[in-house]
Amino acid sequence: MSSQEEILSDGRFSCVARDPRFWEMPEKERKVKIDKRFRAMFHDKKFKLRYTVDKRGRPVNYTSTENLRKFYALSESDSDLSESDSKELTVKKKKKKKAKGKGEADS
């Protein structure tokens, strides 16, 4: 077995290193961007399958949510929105708790 450098220096395979068809795809382009409408599939039980064997019959121990995280990513604009939404929800919950506390103290 020869090393990678020897293979690339061979005249028959020298074009492989320069050909973009054989380049590895960057991580940002590899994952499909999805918007906030589909973010529930990362934590919803309907999308979670537990595998015991792989397609060749070998025993494995993983779930389909790992594959979802591997192939899909939330779009940046939607992930920013989801963070701001979660902040707004925590602020609203705090206001409700304060309102309930004041109402109980008055009665």
PDB file of N, CA and C in Angstrom:
ATOM      1  N   MET A   1       0.841  -1.176   0.000  1.00  0.00           N
ATOM      2  CA  MET A   1       0.000   0.000   0.000  1.00  0.00           C
ATOM      3  C   MET A   1       0.883   1.234   0.000  1.00  0.00           C
ATOM      4  N   SER A   2       0.581   2.155  -0.874  1.00  0.00           N
ATOM      5  CA  SER A   2       1.359   3.376  -0.967  1.00  0.00           C
ATOM      6  C   SER A   2       0.627   4.510  -0.265  1.00  0.00           C
ATOM      7  N   SER A   3       1.369   5.520   0.096  1.00  0.00           N
ATOM      8  CA  SER A   3       0.781   6.644   0.809  1.00  0.00           C
ATOM      9  C   SER A   3      -0.002   7.542  -0.140  1.00  0.00           C
ATOM     10  N   GLN A   4      -0.733   8.470   0.460  1.00  0.00           N
ATOM     11  CA  GLN A   4      -1.573   9.385  -0.321  1.00  0.00           C
ATOM     12  C   GLN A   4      -0.726  10.264  -1.239  1.00  0.00           C
ATOM     13  N   GLU A   5       0.445  10.696  -0.762  1.00  0.00           N
ATOM     14  CA  GLU A   5       1.297  11.565  -1.576  1.00  0.00           C
ATOM     15  C   GLU A   5       1.781  10.846  -2.828  1.00  0.00           C
ATOM     16  N   GLU A   6       2.124   9.574  -2.671  1.00  0.00           N
ATOM     17  CA  GLU A   6       2.594   8.801  -3.818  1.00  0.00           C
ATOM     18  C   GLU A   6       1.486   8.626  -4.856  1.00  0.00           C
ATOM     19  N   ILE A   7       0.286   8.452  -4.378  1.00  0.00           N
ATOM     20  CA  ILE A   7      -0.848   8.285  -5.290  1.00  0.00           C
ATOM     21  C   ILE A   7      -1.096   9.571  -6.067  1.00  0.00           C
ATOM     22  N   LEU A   8      -1.047  10.704  -5.372  1.00  0.00           N
ATOM     23  CA  LEU A   8      -1.311  11.979  -6.033  1.00  0.00           C
ATOM     24  C   LEU A   8      -0.170  12.385  -6.958  1.00  0.00           C
ATOM     25  N   SER A   9       1.043  11.926  -6.670  1.00  0.00           N
ATOM     26  CA  SER A   9       2.165  12.264  -7.557  1.00  0.00           C
ATOM     27  C   SER A   9       2.160  11.404  -8.815  1.00  0.00           C
ATOM     28  N   ASP A  10       1.429  10.309  -8.813  1.00  0.00           N
ATOM     29  CA  ASP A  10       1.315   9.468 -10.004  1.00  0.00           C
ATOM     30  C   ASP A  10       0.569  10.247 -11.085  1.00  0.00           C
ATOM     31  N   GLY A  11       1.046  10.220 -12.273  1.00  0.00           N
ATOM     32  CA  GLY A  11       0.470  10.984 -13.374  1.00  0.00           C
ATOM     33  C   GLY A  11      -0.956  10.596 -13.692  1.00  0.00           C
ATOM     34  N   ARG A  12      -1.285   9.345 -13.464  1.00  0.00           N
ATOM     35  CA  ARG A  12      -2.646   8.886 -13.791  1.00  0.00           C
ATOM     36  C   ARG A  12      -3.690   9.476 -12.852  1.00  0.00           C
ATOM     37  N   PHE A  13      -3.292   9.795 -11.614  1.00  0.00           N
ATOM     38  CA  PHE A  13      -4.252  10.270 -10.620  1.00  0.00           C
ATOM     39  C   PHE A  13      -4.003  11.703 -10.196  1.00  0.00           C
ATOM     40  N   SER A  14      -3.147  12.430 -10.858  1.00  0.00           N
ATOM     41  CA  SER A  14      -2.816  13.787 -10.432  1.00  0.00           C
ATOM     42  C   SER A  14      -3.995  14.747 -10.590  1.00  0.00           C
ATOM     43  N   CYS A  15      -4.879  14.489 -11.528  1.00  0.00           N
ATOM     44  CA  CYS A  15      -6.020  15.386 -11.727  1.00  0.00           C
ATOM     45  C   CYS A  15      -7.066  15.245 -10.621  1.00  0.00           C
ATOM     46  N   VAL A  16      -7.014  14.180  -9.842  1.00  0.00           N
ATOM     47  CA  VAL A  16      -8.008  13.958  -8.788  1.00  0.00           C
ATOM     48  C   VAL A  16      -7.904  15.038  -7.715  1.00  0.00           C
ATOM     49  N   ALA A  17      -6.695  15.452  -7.373  1.00  0.00           N
ATOM     50  CA  ALA A  17      -6.519  16.461  -6.323  1.00  0.00           C
ATOM     51  C   ALA A  17      -7.039  17.821  -6.755  1.00  0.00           C
ATOM     52  N   ARG A  18      -7.047  18.124  -8.033  1.00  0.00           N
ATOM     53  CA  ARG A  18      -7.477  19.422  -8.523  1.00  0.00           C
ATOM     54  C   ARG A  18      -8.935  19.441  -8.966  1.00  0.00           C
ATOM     55  N   ASP A  19      -9.553  18.311  -9.073  1.00  0.00           N
ATOM     56  CA  ASP A  19     -10.924  18.237  -9.569  1.00  0.00           C
ATOM     57  C   ASP A  19     -11.912  18.470  -8.420  1.00  0.00           C
ATOM     58  N   PRO A  20     -12.775  19.475  -8.502  1.00  0.00           N
ATOM     59  CA  PRO A  20     -13.701  19.761  -7.401  1.00  0.00           C
ATOM     60  C   PRO A  20     -14.732  18.663  -7.156  1.00  0.00           C
ATOM     61  N   ARG A  21     -14.930  17.772  -8.092  1.00  0.00           N
ATOM     62  CA  ARG A  21     -15.880  16.680  -7.871  1.00  0.00           C
ATOM     63  C   ARG A  21     -15.417  15.744  -6.762  1.00  0.00           C
ATOM     64  N   PHE A  22     -14.134  15.715  -6.483  1.00  0.00           N
ATOM     65  CA  PHE A  22     -13.597  14.801  -5.490  1.00  0.00           C
ATOM     66  C   PHE A  22     -13.245  15.492  -4.181  1.00  0.00           C
ATOM     67  N   TRP A  23     -13.501  16.790  -4.052  1.00  0.00           N
ATOM     68  CA  TRP A  23     -13.236  17.495  -2.813  1.00  0.00           C
ATOM     69  C   TRP A  23     -14.277  17.110  -1.777  1.00  0.00           C
ATOM     70  N   GLU A  24     -13.893  17.167  -0.518  1.00  0.00           N
ATOM     71  CA  GLU A  24     -14.840  16.893   0.553  1.00  0.00           C
ATOM     72  C   GLU A  24     -15.757  18.092   0.729  1.00  0.00           C
ATOM     73  N   MET A  25     -17.017  17.827   0.954  1.00  0.00           N
ATOM     74  CA  MET A  25     -18.001  18.892   1.078  1.00  0.00           C
ATOM     75  C   MET A  25     -17.869  19.550   2.453  1.00  0.00           C
ATOM     76  N   PRO A  26     -17.885  20.876   2.514  1.00  0.00           N
ATOM     77  CA  PRO A  26     -17.796  21.559   3.802  1.00  0.00           C
ATOM     78  C   PRO A  26     -19.005  21.261   4.683  1.00  0.00           C
ATOM     79  N   GLU A  27     -18.812  21.340   5.994  1.00  0.00           N
ATOM     80  CA  GLU A  27     -19.876  21.020   6.952  1.00  0.00           C
ATOM     81  C   GLU A  27     -21.087  21.937   6.781  1.00  0.00           C
ATOM     82  N   LYS A  28     -20.855  23.217   6.495  1.00  0.00           N
ATOM     83  CA  LYS A  28     -21.963  24.157   6.358  1.00  0.00           C
ATOM     84  C   LYS A  28     -22.835  23.827   5.153  1.00  0.00           C
ATOM     85  N   GLU A  29     -22.234  23.324   4.101  1.00  0.00           N
ATOM     86  CA  GLU A  29     -22.997  22.988   2.905  1.00  0.00           C
ATOM     87  C   GLU A  29     -23.565  21.577   2.972  1.00  0.00           C
ATOM     88  N   ARG A  30     -23.040  20.747   3.837  1.00  0.00           N
ATOM     89  CA  ARG A  30     -23.458  19.358   3.917  1.00  0.00           C
ATOM     90  C   ARG A  30     -24.844  19.220   4.538  1.00  0.00           C
ATOM     91  N   LYS A  31     -25.111  20.031   5.536  1.00  0.00           N
ATOM     92  CA  LYS A  31     -26.398  19.943   6.216  1.00  0.00           C
ATOM     93  C   LYS A  31     -27.447  20.778   5.500  1.00  0.00           C
ATOM     94  N   VAL A  32     -28.659  20.268   5.462  1.00  0.00           N
ATOM     95  CA  VAL A  32     -29.783  20.973   4.853  1.00  0.00           C
ATOM     96  C   VAL A  32     -30.344  21.932   5.887  1.00  0.00           C
ATOM     97  N   LYS A  33     -30.536  23.184   5.494  1.00  0.00           N
ATOM     98  CA  LYS A  33     -31.087  24.194   6.397  1.00  0.00           C
ATOM     99  C   LYS A  33     -32.603  24.070   6.415  1.00  0.00           C
ATOM    100  N   ILE A  34     -33.154  24.020   7.617  1.00  0.00           N
ATOM    101  CA  ILE A  34     -34.604  23.982   7.770  1.00  0.00           C
ATOM    102  C   ILE A  34     -35.015  25.144   8.657  1.00  0.00           C
ATOM    103  N   ASP A  35     -36.257  25.598   8.508  1.00  0.00           N
ATOM    104  CA  ASP A  35     -36.704  26.731   9.292  1.00  0.00           C
ATOM    105  C   ASP A  35     -37.381  26.280  10.571  1.00  0.00           C
ATOM    106  N   LYS A  36     -37.862  27.249  11.334  1.00  0.00           N
ATOM    107  CA  LYS A  36     -38.370  26.957  12.676  1.00  0.00           C
ATOM    108  C   LYS A  36     -39.648  26.116  12.679  1.00  0.00           C
ATOM    109  N   ARG A  37     -40.320  26.012  11.542  1.00  0.00           N
ATOM    110  CA  ARG A  37     -41.528  25.184  11.505  1.00  0.00           C
ATOM    111  C   ARG A  37     -41.223  23.713  11.767  1.00  0.00           C
ATOM    112  N   PHE A  38     -40.015  23.297  11.422  1.00  0.00           N
ATOM    113  CA  PHE A  38     -39.666  21.886  11.531  1.00  0.00           C
ATOM    114  C   PHE A  38     -38.721  21.591  12.692  1.00  0.00           C
ATOM    115  N   ARG A  39     -38.506  22.542  13.598  1.00  0.00           N
ATOM    116  CA  ARG A  39     -37.566  22.305  14.689  1.00  0.00           C
ATOM    117  C   ARG A  39     -38.086  21.297  15.705  1.00  0.00           C
ATOM    118  N   ALA A  40     -39.383  21.031  15.693  1.00  0.00           N
ATOM    119  CA  ALA A  40     -39.951  20.062  16.637  1.00  0.00           C
ATOM    120  C   ALA A  40     -39.486  18.644  16.338  1.00  0.00           C
ATOM    121  N   MET A  41     -39.048  18.387  15.119  1.00  0.00           N
ATOM    122  CA  MET A  41     -38.643  17.019  14.785  1.00  0.00           C
ATOM    123  C   MET A  41     -37.368  16.601  15.506  1.00  0.00           C
ATOM    124  N   PHE A  42     -36.626  17.557  16.084  1.00  0.00           N
ATOM    125  CA  PHE A  42     -35.427  17.205  16.823  1.00  0.00           C
ATOM    126  C   PHE A  42     -35.740  16.663  18.212  1.00  0.00           C
ATOM    127  N   HIS A  43     -36.899  16.994  18.764  1.00  0.00           N
ATOM    128  CA  HIS A  43     -37.206  16.542  20.123  1.00  0.00           C
ATOM    129  C   HIS A  43     -38.569  15.874  20.265  1.00  0.00           C
ATOM    130  N   ASP A  44     -39.330  15.773  19.193  1.00  0.00           N
ATOM    131  CA  ASP A  44     -40.649  15.155  19.247  1.00  0.00           C
ATOM    132  C   ASP A  44     -40.522  13.632  19.229  1.00  0.00           C
ATOM    133  N   LYS A  45     -41.349  12.965  19.998  1.00  0.00           N
ATOM    134  CA  LYS A  45     -41.295  11.499  20.086  1.00  0.00           C
ATOM    135  C   LYS A  45     -41.766  10.826  18.799  1.00  0.00           C
ATOM    136  N   LYS A  46     -42.549  11.516  17.992  1.00  0.00           N
ATOM    137  CA  LYS A  46     -43.034  10.939  16.735  1.00  0.00           C
ATOM    138  C   LYS A  46     -41.899  10.677  15.749  1.00  0.00           C
ATOM    139  N   PHE A  47     -40.834  11.475  15.855  1.00  0.00           N
ATOM    140  CA  PHE A  47     -39.712  11.339  14.925  1.00  0.00           C
ATOM    141  C   PHE A  47     -38.601  10.460  15.478  1.00  0.00           C
ATOM    142  N   LYS A  48     -38.766   9.937  16.677  1.00  0.00           N
ATOM    143  CA  LYS A  48     -37.694   9.185  17.317  1.00  0.00           C
ATOM    144  C   LYS A  48     -37.924   7.686  17.149  1.00  0.00           C
ATOM    145  N   LEU A  49     -37.002   7.052  16.470  1.00  0.00           N
ATOM    146  CA  LEU A  49     -37.009   5.605  16.320  1.00  0.00           C
ATOM    147  C   LEU A  49     -35.759   5.041  16.972  1.00  0.00           C
ATOM    148  N   ARG A  50     -35.884   3.900  17.604  1.00  0.00           N
ATOM    149  CA  ARG A  50     -34.736   3.277  18.250  1.00  0.00           C
ATOM    150  C   ARG A  50     -34.322   2.077  17.408  1.00  0.00           C
ATOM    151  N   TYR A  51     -33.078   2.109  16.940  1.00  0.00           N
ATOM    152  CA  TYR A  51     -32.580   1.039  16.099  1.00  0.00           C
ATOM    153  C   TYR A  51     -31.824   0.019  16.936  1.00  0.00           C
ATOM    154  N   THR A  52     -32.025  -1.270  16.623  1.00  0.00           N
ATOM    155  CA  THR A  52     -31.283  -2.324  17.305  1.00  0.00           C
ATOM    156  C   THR A  52     -30.273  -2.979  16.374  1.00  0.00           C
ATOM    157  N   VAL A  53     -30.562  -2.980  15.079  1.00  0.00           N
ATOM    158  CA  VAL A  53     -29.624  -3.524  14.091  1.00  0.00           C
ATOM    159  C   VAL A  53     -29.523  -2.554  12.926  1.00  0.00           C
ATOM    160  N   ASP A  54     -28.354  -2.547  12.261  1.00  0.00           N
ATOM    161  CA  ASP A  54     -28.201  -1.696  11.089  1.00  0.00           C
ATOM    162  C   ASP A  54     -28.676  -2.440   9.852  1.00  0.00           C
ATOM    163  N   LYS A  55     -28.476  -1.846   8.678  1.00  0.00           N
ATOM    164  CA  LYS A  55     -29.017  -2.437   7.459  1.00  0.00           C
ATOM    165  C   LYS A  55     -28.346  -3.747   7.090  1.00  0.00           C
ATOM    166  N   ARG A  56     -27.210  -4.036   7.695  1.00  0.00           N
ATOM    167  CA  ARG A  56     -26.522  -5.306   7.423  1.00  0.00           C
ATOM    168  C   ARG A  56     -26.728  -6.341   8.526  1.00  0.00           C
ATOM    169  N   GLY A  57     -27.534  -6.002   9.524  1.00  0.00           N
ATOM    170  CA  GLY A  57     -27.852  -6.950  10.577  1.00  0.00           C
ATOM    171  C   GLY A  57     -26.934  -6.892  11.784  1.00  0.00           C
ATOM    172  N   ARG A  58     -25.999  -5.951  11.808  1.00  0.00           N
ATOM    173  CA  ARG A  58     -25.110  -5.826  12.954  1.00  0.00           C
ATOM    174  C   ARG A  58     -25.819  -5.081  14.076  1.00  0.00           C
ATOM    175  N   PRO A  59     -25.602  -5.492  15.309  1.00  0.00           N
ATOM    176  CA  PRO A  59     -26.279  -4.810  16.424  1.00  0.00           C
ATOM    177  C   PRO A  59     -25.736  -3.398  16.630  1.00  0.00           C
ATOM    178  N   VAL A  60     -26.640  -2.453  16.779  1.00  0.00           N
ATOM    179  CA  VAL A  60     -26.290  -1.060  17.044  1.00  0.00           C
ATOM    180  C   VAL A  60     -27.199  -0.518  18.126  1.00  0.00           C
ATOM    181  N   ASN A  61     -26.807   0.604  18.690  1.00  0.00           N
ATOM    182  CA  ASN A  61     -27.616   1.212  19.737  1.00  0.00           C
ATOM    183  C   ASN A  61     -27.647   2.719  19.507  1.00  0.00           C
ATOM    184  N   TYR A  62     -28.502   3.192  18.614  1.00  0.00           N
ATOM    185  CA  TYR A  62     -28.672   4.614  18.375  1.00  0.00           C
ATOM    186  C   TYR A  62     -30.088   4.891  17.911  1.00  0.00           C
ATOM    187  N   THR A  63     -30.430   6.175  17.875  1.00  0.00           N
ATOM    188  CA  THR A  63     -31.779   6.577  17.510  1.00  0.00           C
ATOM    189  C   THR A  63     -31.751   7.407  16.231  1.00  0.00           C
ATOM    190  N   SER A  64     -32.908   7.614  15.671  1.00  0.00           N
ATOM    191  CA  SER A  64     -33.009   8.369  14.433  1.00  0.00           C
ATOM    192  C   SER A  64     -32.752   9.857  14.647  1.00  0.00           C
ATOM    193  N   THR A  65     -32.881  10.346  15.872  1.00  0.00           N
ATOM    194  CA  THR A  65     -32.613  11.762  16.115  1.00  0.00           C
ATOM    195  C   THR A  65     -31.143  12.094  15.882  1.00  0.00           C
ATOM    196  N   GLU A  66     -30.256  11.133  16.079  1.00  0.00           N
ATOM    197  CA  GLU A  66     -28.841  11.357  15.778  1.00  0.00           C
ATOM    198  C   GLU A  66     -28.658  11.592  14.276  1.00  0.00           C
ATOM    199  N   ASN A  67     -29.380  10.845  13.464  1.00  0.00           N
ATOM    200  CA  ASN A  67     -29.317  11.050  12.013  1.00  0.00           C
ATOM    201  C   ASN A  67     -29.911  12.401  11.624  1.00  0.00           C
ATOM    202  N   LEU A  68     -30.977  12.812  12.295  1.00  0.00           N
ATOM    203  CA  LEU A  68     -31.578  14.105  11.989  1.00  0.00           C
ATOM    204  C   LEU A  68     -30.591  15.227  12.270  1.00  0.00           C
ATOM    205  N   ARG A  69     -29.894  15.148  13.391  1.00  0.00           N
ATOM    206  CA  ARG A  69     -28.908  16.179  13.724  1.00  0.00           C
ATOM    207  C   ARG A  69     -27.718  16.131  12.780  1.00  0.00           C
ATOM    208  N   LYS A  70     -27.453  14.970  12.226  1.00  0.00           N
ATOM    209  CA  LYS A  70     -26.323  14.818  11.313  1.00  0.00           C
ATOM    210  C   LYS A  70     -26.613  15.464   9.957  1.00  0.00           C
ATOM    211  N   PHE A  71     -27.839  15.378   9.480  1.00  0.00           N
ATOM    212  CA  PHE A  71     -28.165  15.823   8.136  1.00  0.00           C
ATOM    213  C   PHE A  71     -28.902  17.158   8.066  1.00  0.00           C
ATOM    214  N   TYR A  72     -29.507  17.610   9.172  1.00  0.00           N
ATOM    215  CA  TYR A  72     -30.289  18.838   9.155  1.00  0.00           C
ATOM    216  C   TYR A  72     -29.749  19.835  10.164  1.00  0.00           C
ATOM    217  N   ALA A  73     -29.890  21.114   9.850  1.00  0.00           N
ATOM    218  CA  ALA A  73     -29.507  22.199  10.749  1.00  0.00           C
ATOM    219  C   ALA A  73     -30.547  23.294  10.641  1.00  0.00           C
ATOM    220  N   LEU A  74     -30.843  23.930  11.773  1.00  0.00           N
ATOM    221  CA  LEU A  74     -31.759  25.057  11.739  1.00  0.00           C
ATOM    222  C   LEU A  74     -31.064  26.233  11.072  1.00  0.00           C
ATOM    223  N   SER A  75     -31.799  26.978  10.273  1.00  0.00           N
ATOM    224  CA  SER A  75     -31.203  28.134   9.612  1.00  0.00           C
ATOM    225  C   SER A  75     -30.857  29.186  10.666  1.00  0.00           C
ATOM    226  N   GLU A  76     -29.825  29.986  10.411  1.00  0.00           N
ATOM    227  CA  GLU A  76     -29.318  30.929  11.398  1.00  0.00           C
ATOM    228  C   GLU A  76     -30.359  31.967  11.775  1.00  0.00           C
ATOM    229  N   SER A  77     -31.097  32.460  10.802  1.00  0.00           N
ATOM    230  CA  SER A  77     -32.098  33.472  11.108  1.00  0.00           C
ATOM    231  C   SER A  77     -33.192  32.895  12.002  1.00  0.00           C
ATOM    232  N   ASP A  78     -33.560  31.650  11.765  1.00  0.00           N
ATOM    233  CA  ASP A  78     -34.595  31.032  12.577  1.00  0.00           C
ATOM    234  C   ASP A  78     -34.070  30.652  13.948  1.00  0.00           C
ATOM    235  N   SER A  79     -32.815  30.247  14.038  1.00  0.00           N
ATOM    236  CA  SER A  79     -32.271  29.907  15.349  1.00  0.00           C
ATOM    237  C   SER A  79     -32.157  31.169  16.200  1.00  0.00           C
ATOM    238  N   ASP A  80     -31.839  32.329  15.577  1.00  0.00           N
ATOM    239  CA  ASP A  80     -31.830  33.583  16.307  1.00  0.00           C
ATOM    240  C   ASP A  80     -33.226  33.936  16.787  1.00  0.00           C
ATOM    241  N   LEU A  81     -34.209  33.699  15.924  1.00  0.00           N
ATOM    242  CA  LEU A  81     -35.589  33.962  16.309  1.00  0.00           C
ATOM    243  C   LEU A  81     -36.012  33.053  17.455  1.00  0.00           C
ATOM    244  N   SER A  82     -35.620  31.799  17.400  1.00  0.00           N
ATOM    245  CA  SER A  82     -36.027  30.879  18.453  1.00  0.00           C
ATOM    246  C   SER A  82     -35.402  31.269  19.783  1.00  0.00           C
ATOM    247  N   GLU A  83     -34.164  31.781  19.773  1.00  0.00           N
ATOM    248  CA  GLU A  83     -33.539  32.239  21.012  1.00  0.00           C
ATOM    249  C   GLU A  83     -34.282  33.448  21.564  1.00  0.00           C
ATOM    250  N   SER A  84     -34.653  34.381  20.693  1.00  0.00           N
ATOM    251  CA  SER A  84     -35.385  35.560  21.157  1.00  0.00           C
ATOM    252  C   SER A  84     -36.784  35.159  21.640  1.00  0.00           C
ATOM    253  N   ASP A  85     -37.407  34.179  20.975  1.00  0.00           N
ATOM    254  CA  ASP A  85     -38.717  33.691  21.413  1.00  0.00           C
ATOM    255  C   ASP A  85     -38.617  33.073  22.800  1.00  0.00           C
ATOM    256  N   SER A  86     -37.579  32.296  23.033  1.00  0.00           N
ATOM    257  CA  SER A  86     -37.431  31.659  24.332  1.00  0.00           C
ATOM    258  C   SER A  86     -37.182  32.697  25.418  1.00  0.00           C
ATOM    259  N   LYS A  87     -36.441  33.771  25.097  1.00  0.00           N
ATOM    260  CA  LYS A  87     -36.220  34.845  26.062  1.00  0.00           C
ATOM    261  C   LYS A  87     -37.536  35.545  26.384  1.00  0.00           C
ATOM    262  N   GLU A  88     -38.349  35.772  25.341  1.00  0.00           N
ATOM    263  CA  GLU A  88     -39.640  36.429  25.547  1.00  0.00           C
ATOM    264  C   GLU A  88     -40.548  35.560  26.415  1.00  0.00           C
ATOM    265  N   LEU A  89     -40.524  34.260  26.216  1.00  0.00           N
ATOM    266  CA  LEU A  89     -41.355  33.366  27.014  1.00  0.00           C
ATOM    267  C   LEU A  89     -40.929  33.393  28.476  1.00  0.00           C
ATOM    268  N   THR A  90     -39.635  33.405  28.753  1.00  0.00           N
ATOM    269  CA  THR A  90     -39.181  33.446  30.141  1.00  0.00           C
ATOM    270  C   THR A  90     -39.567  34.764  30.800  1.00  0.00           C
ATOM    271  N   VAL A  91     -39.510  35.872  30.045  1.00  0.00           N
ATOM    272  CA  VAL A  91     -39.917  37.170  30.585  1.00  0.00           C
ATOM    273  C   VAL A  91     -41.406  37.154  30.897  1.00  0.00           C
ATOM    274  N   LYS A  92     -42.221  36.582  29.996  1.00  0.00           N
ATOM    275  CA  LYS A  92     -43.667  36.509  30.219  1.00  0.00           C
ATOM    276  C   LYS A  92     -43.993  35.650  31.435  1.00  0.00           C
ATOM    277  N   LYS A  93     -43.285  34.536  31.610  1.00  0.00           N
ATOM    278  CA  LYS A  93     -43.519  33.660  32.763  1.00  0.00           C
ATOM    279  C   LYS A  93     -43.192  34.381  34.058  1.00  0.00           C
ATOM    280  N   LYS A  94     -42.105  35.152  34.053  1.00  0.00           N
ATOM    281  CA  LYS A  94     -41.726  35.894  35.253  1.00  0.00           C
ATOM    282  C   LYS A  94     -42.786  36.934  35.593  1.00  0.00           C
ATOM    283  N   LYS A  95     -43.328  37.597  34.557  1.00  0.00           N
ATOM    284  CA  LYS A  95     -44.365  38.599  34.790  1.00  0.00           C
ATOM    285  C   LYS A  95     -45.618  37.955  35.363  1.00  0.00           C
ATOM    286  N   LYS A  96     -45.974  36.755  34.850  1.00  0.00           N
ATOM    287  CA  LYS A  96     -47.156  36.068  35.354  1.00  0.00           C
ATOM    288  C   LYS A  96     -46.974  35.664  36.809  1.00  0.00           C
ATOM    289  N   LYS A  97     -45.776  35.188  37.149  1.00  0.00           N
ATOM    290  CA  LYS A  97     -45.509  34.790  38.532  1.00  0.00           C
ATOM    291  C   LYS A  97     -45.590  35.988  39.466  1.00  0.00           C
ATOM    292  N   LYS A  98     -45.050  37.146  39.018  1.00  0.00           N
ATOM    293  CA  LYS A  98     -45.114  38.340  39.837  1.00  0.00           C
ATOM    294  C   LYS A  98     -46.554  38.789  40.011  1.00  0.00           C
ATOM    295  N   ALA A  99     -47.350  38.697  38.938  1.00  0.00           N
ATOM    296  CA  ALA A  99     -48.758  39.102  38.999  1.00  0.00           C
ATOM    297  C   ALA A  99     -49.522  38.194  39.943  1.00  0.00           C
ATOM    298  N   LYS A 100     -49.250  36.897  39.906  1.00  0.00           N
ATOM    299  CA  LYS A 100     -49.919  35.952  40.807  1.00  0.00           C
ATOM    300  C   LYS A 100     -49.497  36.218  42.245  1.00  0.00           C
ATOM    301  N   GLY A 101     -48.266  36.523  42.448  1.00  0.00           N
ATOM    302  CA  GLY A 101     -47.764  36.812  43.808  1.00  0.00           C
ATOM    303  C   GLY A 101     -48.415  38.043  44.383  1.00  0.00           C
ATOM    304  N   LYS A 102     -48.587  39.087  43.579  1.00  0.00           N
ATOM    305  CA  LYS A 102     -49.233  40.313  44.038  1.00  0.00           C
ATOM    306  C   LYS A 102     -50.709  40.078  44.311  1.00  0.00           C
ATOM    307  N   GLY A 103     -51.366  39.296  43.484  1.00  0.00           N
ATOM    308  CA  GLY A 103     -52.797  39.016  43.632  1.00  0.00           C
ATOM    309  C   GLY A 103     -53.066  38.211  44.892  1.00  0.00           C
ATOM    310  N   GLU A 104     -52.183  37.280  45.210  1.00  0.00           N
ATOM    311  CA  GLU A 104     -52.349  36.475  46.426  1.00  0.00           C
ATOM    312  C   GLU A 104     -52.092  37.301  47.664  1.00  0.00           C
ATOM    313  N   ALA A 105     -51.173  38.239  47.573  1.00  0.00           N
ATOM    314  CA  ALA A 105     -50.851  39.080  48.736  1.00  0.00           C
ATOM    315  C   ALA A 105     -52.006  40.038  49.016  1.00  0.00           C
ATOM    316  N   ASP A 106     -52.709  40.533  48.009  1.00  0.00           N
ATOM    317  CA  ASP A 106     -53.807  41.462  48.198  1.00  0.00           C
ATOM    318  C   ASP A 106     -55.020  40.783  48.820  1.00  0.00           C
ATOM    319  N   SER A 107     -55.275  39.522  48.530  1.00  0.00           N
ATOM    320  CA  SER A 107     -56.481  38.859  49.013  1.00  0.00           C
ATOM    321  C   SER A 107     -56.284  38.229  50.342  1.00  0.00           C
TER     322      SER A 107
END
